[in-house]
N, C-alpha and C. Protein backbone atom coordinates (compact mmCIF):
# COMPACT_ATOMS: atom_id res chain seq x y z
N MET A 1 125.89 -75.92 -166.02
CA MET A 1 125.26 -74.74 -165.47
C MET A 1 126.31 -73.94 -164.70
N ASP A 2 126.35 -72.65 -164.88
CA ASP A 2 127.31 -71.79 -164.22
C ASP A 2 126.93 -71.65 -162.75
N ARG A 3 127.84 -72.03 -161.86
CA ARG A 3 127.56 -71.99 -160.43
C ARG A 3 127.22 -70.59 -159.94
N GLN A 4 127.82 -69.59 -160.55
CA GLN A 4 127.58 -68.22 -160.12
C GLN A 4 126.15 -67.77 -160.40
N LYS A 5 125.47 -68.40 -161.31
CA LYS A 5 124.14 -67.97 -161.71
C LYS A 5 123.02 -68.88 -161.23
N ILE A 6 123.34 -69.80 -160.34
CA ILE A 6 122.32 -70.71 -159.83
C ILE A 6 121.49 -69.99 -158.77
N HIS A 7 120.19 -69.94 -158.98
CA HIS A 7 119.25 -69.41 -157.99
C HIS A 7 118.55 -70.63 -157.42
N ILE A 8 119.11 -71.18 -156.35
CA ILE A 8 118.64 -72.46 -155.83
C ILE A 8 117.19 -72.37 -155.35
N GLY A 9 116.80 -71.24 -154.79
CA GLY A 9 115.41 -71.09 -154.36
C GLY A 9 114.44 -71.22 -155.51
N GLU A 10 114.79 -70.63 -156.65
CA GLU A 10 113.93 -70.71 -157.84
C GLU A 10 113.89 -72.14 -158.39
N LEU A 11 115.02 -72.83 -158.34
CA LEU A 11 115.04 -74.23 -158.80
C LEU A 11 114.14 -75.10 -157.93
N VAL A 12 114.19 -74.89 -156.62
CA VAL A 12 113.33 -75.65 -155.71
C VAL A 12 111.86 -75.31 -155.99
N ARG A 13 111.56 -74.03 -156.16
CA ARG A 13 110.18 -73.60 -156.44
C ARG A 13 109.66 -74.28 -157.72
N LYS A 14 110.47 -74.26 -158.77
CA LYS A 14 110.06 -74.87 -160.04
C LYS A 14 109.84 -76.38 -159.88
N TYR A 15 110.69 -77.02 -159.07
CA TYR A 15 110.53 -78.46 -158.84
C TYR A 15 109.21 -78.74 -158.13
N ILE A 16 108.90 -77.97 -157.10
CA ILE A 16 107.65 -78.16 -156.35
C ILE A 16 106.45 -77.99 -157.29
N ILE A 17 106.49 -76.97 -158.13
CA ILE A 17 105.40 -76.74 -159.08
C ILE A 17 105.31 -77.87 -160.09
N SER A 18 106.47 -78.33 -160.60
CA SER A 18 106.46 -79.39 -161.61
C SER A 18 105.89 -80.70 -161.08
N LYS A 19 106.00 -80.91 -159.79
CA LYS A 19 105.47 -82.13 -159.18
C LYS A 19 104.06 -81.92 -158.63
N ASP A 20 103.51 -80.72 -158.87
CA ASP A 20 102.16 -80.38 -158.44
C ASP A 20 101.99 -80.60 -156.93
N LEU A 21 102.99 -80.16 -156.17
CA LEU A 21 102.96 -80.29 -154.72
C LEU A 21 102.42 -79.02 -154.08
N SER A 22 101.88 -79.16 -152.92
CA SER A 22 101.38 -78.03 -152.15
C SER A 22 102.55 -77.39 -151.40
N PHE A 23 102.72 -76.09 -151.57
CA PHE A 23 103.78 -75.39 -150.86
C PHE A 23 103.57 -75.49 -149.35
N SER A 24 102.33 -75.47 -148.92
CA SER A 24 102.04 -75.58 -147.48
C SER A 24 102.46 -76.93 -146.93
N SER A 25 102.18 -78.00 -147.68
CA SER A 25 102.55 -79.34 -147.19
C SER A 25 104.07 -79.53 -147.22
N VAL A 26 104.73 -78.99 -148.23
CA VAL A 26 106.20 -79.08 -148.28
C VAL A 26 106.79 -78.32 -147.10
N ALA A 27 106.28 -77.13 -146.83
CA ALA A 27 106.77 -76.33 -145.71
C ALA A 27 106.60 -77.09 -144.39
N LYS A 28 105.44 -77.72 -144.24
CA LYS A 28 105.17 -78.48 -143.01
C LYS A 28 106.16 -79.63 -142.84
N GLU A 29 106.43 -80.35 -143.93
CA GLU A 29 107.38 -81.47 -143.87
C GLU A 29 108.80 -80.99 -143.57
N ILE A 30 109.14 -79.80 -144.06
CA ILE A 30 110.47 -79.24 -143.80
C ILE A 30 110.56 -78.73 -142.37
N GLY A 31 109.42 -78.36 -141.81
CA GLY A 31 109.40 -77.88 -140.43
C GLY A 31 109.43 -76.36 -140.32
N ILE A 32 108.92 -75.69 -141.36
CA ILE A 32 108.84 -74.23 -141.34
C ILE A 32 107.45 -73.80 -141.79
N SER A 33 107.16 -72.53 -141.63
CA SER A 33 105.85 -72.01 -142.06
C SER A 33 105.84 -71.83 -143.58
N ARG A 34 104.66 -71.68 -144.11
CA ARG A 34 104.51 -71.42 -145.56
C ARG A 34 105.21 -70.13 -145.92
N GLN A 35 105.09 -69.12 -145.06
CA GLN A 35 105.75 -67.84 -145.30
C GLN A 35 107.27 -68.00 -145.23
N GLY A 36 107.74 -68.85 -144.32
CA GLY A 36 109.17 -69.12 -144.21
C GLY A 36 109.71 -69.79 -145.46
N LEU A 37 108.92 -70.70 -146.01
CA LEU A 37 109.32 -71.35 -147.25
C LEU A 37 109.36 -70.35 -148.40
N ASP A 38 108.34 -69.51 -148.48
CA ASP A 38 108.33 -68.48 -149.53
C ASP A 38 109.57 -67.60 -149.44
N ALA A 39 109.91 -67.18 -148.23
CA ALA A 39 111.08 -66.32 -148.03
C ALA A 39 112.36 -67.04 -148.42
N ALA A 40 112.47 -68.31 -148.06
CA ALA A 40 113.67 -69.09 -148.38
C ALA A 40 113.83 -69.26 -149.89
N LEU A 41 112.71 -69.46 -150.59
CA LEU A 41 112.77 -69.70 -152.03
C LEU A 41 113.00 -68.42 -152.83
N LYS A 42 112.81 -67.26 -152.21
CA LYS A 42 113.10 -66.00 -152.89
C LYS A 42 114.60 -65.71 -152.92
N LYS A 43 115.34 -66.35 -152.02
CA LYS A 43 116.78 -66.11 -151.92
C LYS A 43 117.53 -66.93 -152.97
N GLU A 44 118.63 -66.38 -153.44
CA GLU A 44 119.46 -67.10 -154.42
C GLU A 44 120.23 -68.24 -153.77
N ASP A 45 120.44 -68.16 -152.46
CA ASP A 45 121.19 -69.21 -151.79
C ASP A 45 120.48 -69.61 -150.51
N MET A 46 120.95 -70.70 -149.90
CA MET A 46 120.40 -71.15 -148.63
C MET A 46 121.45 -72.00 -147.95
N THR A 47 121.23 -72.28 -146.69
CA THR A 47 122.21 -73.07 -145.95
C THR A 47 122.22 -74.50 -146.48
N VAL A 48 123.35 -75.14 -146.28
CA VAL A 48 123.47 -76.53 -146.69
C VAL A 48 122.46 -77.38 -145.92
N LYS A 49 122.30 -77.09 -144.66
CA LYS A 49 121.35 -77.86 -143.82
C LYS A 49 119.93 -77.75 -144.38
N ARG A 50 119.53 -76.54 -144.75
CA ARG A 50 118.18 -76.35 -145.29
C ARG A 50 118.03 -77.07 -146.63
N LEU A 51 119.05 -76.95 -147.50
CA LEU A 51 118.98 -77.60 -148.81
C LEU A 51 118.97 -79.12 -148.66
N LEU A 52 119.72 -79.63 -147.69
CA LEU A 52 119.72 -81.07 -147.44
C LEU A 52 118.34 -81.53 -146.99
N THR A 53 117.71 -80.78 -146.10
CA THR A 53 116.36 -81.12 -145.63
C THR A 53 115.37 -81.10 -146.79
N ILE A 54 115.44 -80.07 -147.62
CA ILE A 54 114.54 -79.97 -148.77
C ILE A 54 114.78 -81.14 -149.73
N SER A 55 116.04 -81.47 -149.98
CA SER A 55 116.37 -82.59 -150.87
C SER A 55 115.78 -83.89 -150.33
N GLU A 56 115.90 -84.10 -149.03
CA GLU A 56 115.38 -85.33 -148.43
C GLU A 56 113.85 -85.37 -148.48
N VAL A 57 113.22 -84.27 -148.16
CA VAL A 57 111.75 -84.21 -148.15
C VAL A 57 111.19 -84.43 -149.56
N LEU A 58 111.82 -83.80 -150.55
CA LEU A 58 111.31 -83.90 -151.92
C LEU A 58 111.85 -85.12 -152.67
N GLY A 59 112.84 -85.79 -152.10
CA GLY A 59 113.41 -86.97 -152.78
C GLY A 59 114.15 -86.60 -154.06
N PHE A 60 114.80 -85.44 -154.03
CA PHE A 60 115.53 -84.95 -155.21
C PHE A 60 116.82 -84.30 -154.74
N ASP A 61 117.93 -84.66 -155.37
CA ASP A 61 119.24 -84.17 -154.95
C ASP A 61 119.55 -82.83 -155.62
N PHE A 62 119.22 -81.72 -154.96
CA PHE A 62 119.49 -80.40 -155.50
C PHE A 62 120.98 -80.07 -155.50
N PHE A 63 121.77 -80.82 -154.74
CA PHE A 63 123.21 -80.58 -154.72
C PHE A 63 123.86 -80.90 -156.06
N GLN A 64 123.19 -81.69 -156.87
CA GLN A 64 123.74 -82.03 -158.17
C GLN A 64 123.91 -80.81 -159.07
N TYR A 65 123.18 -79.75 -158.79
CA TYR A 65 123.33 -78.53 -159.57
C TYR A 65 124.68 -77.87 -159.34
N PHE A 66 125.36 -78.27 -158.28
CA PHE A 66 126.63 -77.65 -157.92
C PHE A 66 127.84 -78.52 -158.25
N THR A 67 127.65 -79.62 -158.94
CA THR A 67 128.77 -80.48 -159.31
C THR A 67 129.34 -80.04 -160.64
N ASP A 68 130.55 -80.48 -160.90
CA ASP A 68 131.20 -80.17 -162.17
C ASP A 68 130.84 -81.16 -163.26
N LYS A 69 130.16 -82.22 -162.88
CA LYS A 69 129.84 -83.27 -163.84
C LYS A 69 128.79 -82.80 -164.83
N GLU A 70 128.91 -83.31 -166.04
CA GLU A 70 127.94 -83.00 -167.09
C GLU A 70 126.79 -83.99 -166.99
N GLN A 71 125.93 -83.79 -166.00
CA GLN A 71 124.81 -84.71 -165.83
C GLN A 71 123.59 -83.94 -165.39
N GLN A 72 122.46 -84.49 -165.70
CA GLN A 72 121.21 -83.89 -165.28
C GLN A 72 120.91 -84.35 -163.86
N PRO A 73 120.41 -83.47 -163.03
CA PRO A 73 119.98 -83.91 -161.70
C PRO A 73 118.90 -84.97 -161.84
N LYS A 74 118.94 -85.94 -160.94
CA LYS A 74 117.96 -87.02 -161.03
C LYS A 74 117.16 -87.15 -159.75
N GLU A 75 115.98 -87.63 -159.91
CA GLU A 75 115.08 -87.82 -158.79
C GLU A 75 115.33 -89.21 -158.20
N THR A 76 115.24 -89.31 -156.88
CA THR A 76 115.37 -90.61 -156.25
C THR A 76 114.01 -91.29 -156.26
N GLU A 77 114.00 -92.59 -156.02
CA GLU A 77 112.75 -93.34 -156.09
C GLU A 77 111.77 -92.98 -154.98
N GLY A 78 112.27 -92.67 -153.80
CA GLY A 78 111.37 -92.34 -152.71
C GLY A 78 111.98 -91.27 -151.84
N LYS A 79 111.19 -90.76 -150.94
CA LYS A 79 111.68 -89.73 -150.05
C LYS A 79 112.77 -90.30 -149.15
N ASN A 80 113.66 -89.42 -148.72
CA ASN A 80 114.75 -89.76 -147.81
C ASN A 80 115.71 -90.80 -148.40
N GLU A 81 115.79 -90.89 -149.72
CA GLU A 81 116.71 -91.83 -150.34
C GLU A 81 117.75 -91.13 -151.19
N THR A 82 117.96 -89.85 -150.95
CA THR A 82 118.95 -89.10 -151.71
C THR A 82 120.32 -89.64 -151.35
N GLU A 83 121.14 -89.91 -152.36
CA GLU A 83 122.48 -90.42 -152.13
C GLU A 83 123.49 -89.34 -152.40
N TYR A 84 124.56 -89.37 -151.64
CA TYR A 84 125.63 -88.41 -151.79
C TYR A 84 126.95 -89.15 -151.90
N THR A 85 127.88 -88.57 -152.59
CA THR A 85 129.21 -89.14 -152.72
C THR A 85 130.16 -88.26 -151.94
N LEU A 86 130.99 -88.87 -151.13
CA LEU A 86 131.97 -88.14 -150.35
C LEU A 86 133.32 -88.25 -151.04
N HIS A 87 133.90 -87.11 -151.33
CA HIS A 87 135.24 -87.08 -151.91
C HIS A 87 136.18 -86.48 -150.89
N ILE A 88 137.24 -87.22 -150.56
CA ILE A 88 138.24 -86.69 -149.64
C ILE A 88 139.61 -86.81 -150.27
N LYS A 89 140.45 -85.86 -149.93
CA LYS A 89 141.82 -85.92 -150.41
C LYS A 89 142.67 -86.56 -149.33
N VAL A 90 143.39 -87.60 -149.71
CA VAL A 90 144.26 -88.29 -148.78
C VAL A 90 145.64 -88.37 -149.42
N PRO A 91 146.67 -87.95 -148.70
CA PRO A 91 148.02 -88.09 -149.27
C PRO A 91 148.32 -89.56 -149.54
N LYS A 92 149.04 -89.81 -150.61
CA LYS A 92 149.33 -91.20 -151.01
C LYS A 92 149.93 -92.01 -149.87
N ASN A 93 150.83 -91.38 -149.11
CA ASN A 93 151.48 -92.13 -148.03
C ASN A 93 150.54 -92.45 -146.86
N LYS A 94 149.34 -91.87 -146.84
CA LYS A 94 148.37 -92.13 -145.76
C LYS A 94 147.21 -93.02 -146.22
N MET A 95 147.10 -93.27 -147.53
CA MET A 95 145.95 -93.99 -148.06
C MET A 95 145.82 -95.40 -147.48
N LYS A 96 146.93 -96.11 -147.35
CA LYS A 96 146.87 -97.47 -146.79
C LYS A 96 146.33 -97.43 -145.37
N LYS A 97 146.77 -96.45 -144.59
CA LYS A 97 146.29 -96.33 -143.21
C LYS A 97 144.78 -96.07 -143.19
N VAL A 98 144.29 -95.22 -144.07
CA VAL A 98 142.86 -94.92 -144.16
C VAL A 98 142.09 -96.18 -144.52
N MET A 99 142.54 -96.89 -145.53
CA MET A 99 141.85 -98.10 -145.96
C MET A 99 141.88 -99.17 -144.87
N ASP A 100 143.00 -99.30 -144.16
CA ASP A 100 143.07 -100.25 -143.05
C ASP A 100 142.07 -99.89 -141.96
N TYR A 101 141.93 -98.61 -141.69
CA TYR A 101 140.98 -98.16 -140.67
C TYR A 101 139.55 -98.49 -141.09
N ILE A 102 139.23 -98.21 -142.33
CA ILE A 102 137.89 -98.50 -142.84
C ILE A 102 137.60 -100.00 -142.72
N GLU A 103 138.57 -100.80 -143.09
CA GLU A 103 138.41 -102.24 -143.00
C GLU A 103 138.29 -102.70 -141.56
N GLU A 104 139.17 -102.18 -140.70
CA GLU A 104 139.18 -102.56 -139.29
C GLU A 104 137.85 -102.24 -138.61
N LYS A 105 137.31 -101.08 -138.90
CA LYS A 105 136.04 -100.67 -138.29
C LYS A 105 134.85 -101.25 -139.04
N ASP A 106 135.14 -101.93 -140.14
CA ASP A 106 134.10 -102.57 -140.95
C ASP A 106 133.04 -101.56 -141.40
N LEU A 107 133.49 -100.37 -141.79
CA LEU A 107 132.57 -99.30 -142.16
C LEU A 107 131.71 -99.63 -143.37
N PHE A 108 132.26 -100.37 -144.32
CA PHE A 108 131.47 -100.70 -145.49
C PHE A 108 130.25 -101.55 -145.12
N ASN A 109 130.45 -102.52 -144.24
CA ASN A 109 129.32 -103.37 -143.80
C ASN A 109 128.33 -102.60 -142.96
N ILE A 110 128.83 -101.69 -142.14
CA ILE A 110 127.93 -100.87 -141.31
C ILE A 110 127.03 -100.04 -142.21
N LEU A 111 127.60 -99.43 -143.22
CA LEU A 111 126.82 -98.60 -144.15
C LEU A 111 125.83 -99.43 -144.95
N GLU A 112 126.21 -100.63 -145.35
CA GLU A 112 125.34 -101.49 -146.14
C GLU A 112 124.12 -101.94 -145.33
N GLU A 113 124.28 -102.09 -144.02
CA GLU A 113 123.18 -102.55 -143.17
C GLU A 113 122.08 -101.52 -143.03
N GLN A 114 122.42 -100.24 -143.20
CA GLN A 114 121.43 -99.18 -142.97
C GLN A 114 120.50 -99.02 -144.11
């Protein structure tokens, strides 16, 4: 999908309709009015924070529409279970230091516990 032509509000609207959800109840879960939701969905873009909240409430990762991967967006099994992948660039000469830090702070185990 061409990133320049993505109307994220329309994609969210279509998803809500396809799941036969109430726009009022979705708006309430997001923490905005029904009119606020309507206004947000008319826009071609929205803030990352708003899209993250919508993704979590609906249990669907709308950010997948913005990846370069040739994959269909997928629904998560339950609400608030959207997974994200973090990609960071680390110079080769710093990678060992980064990995040592992750190991030292035991970040992998901390994340697994949650």
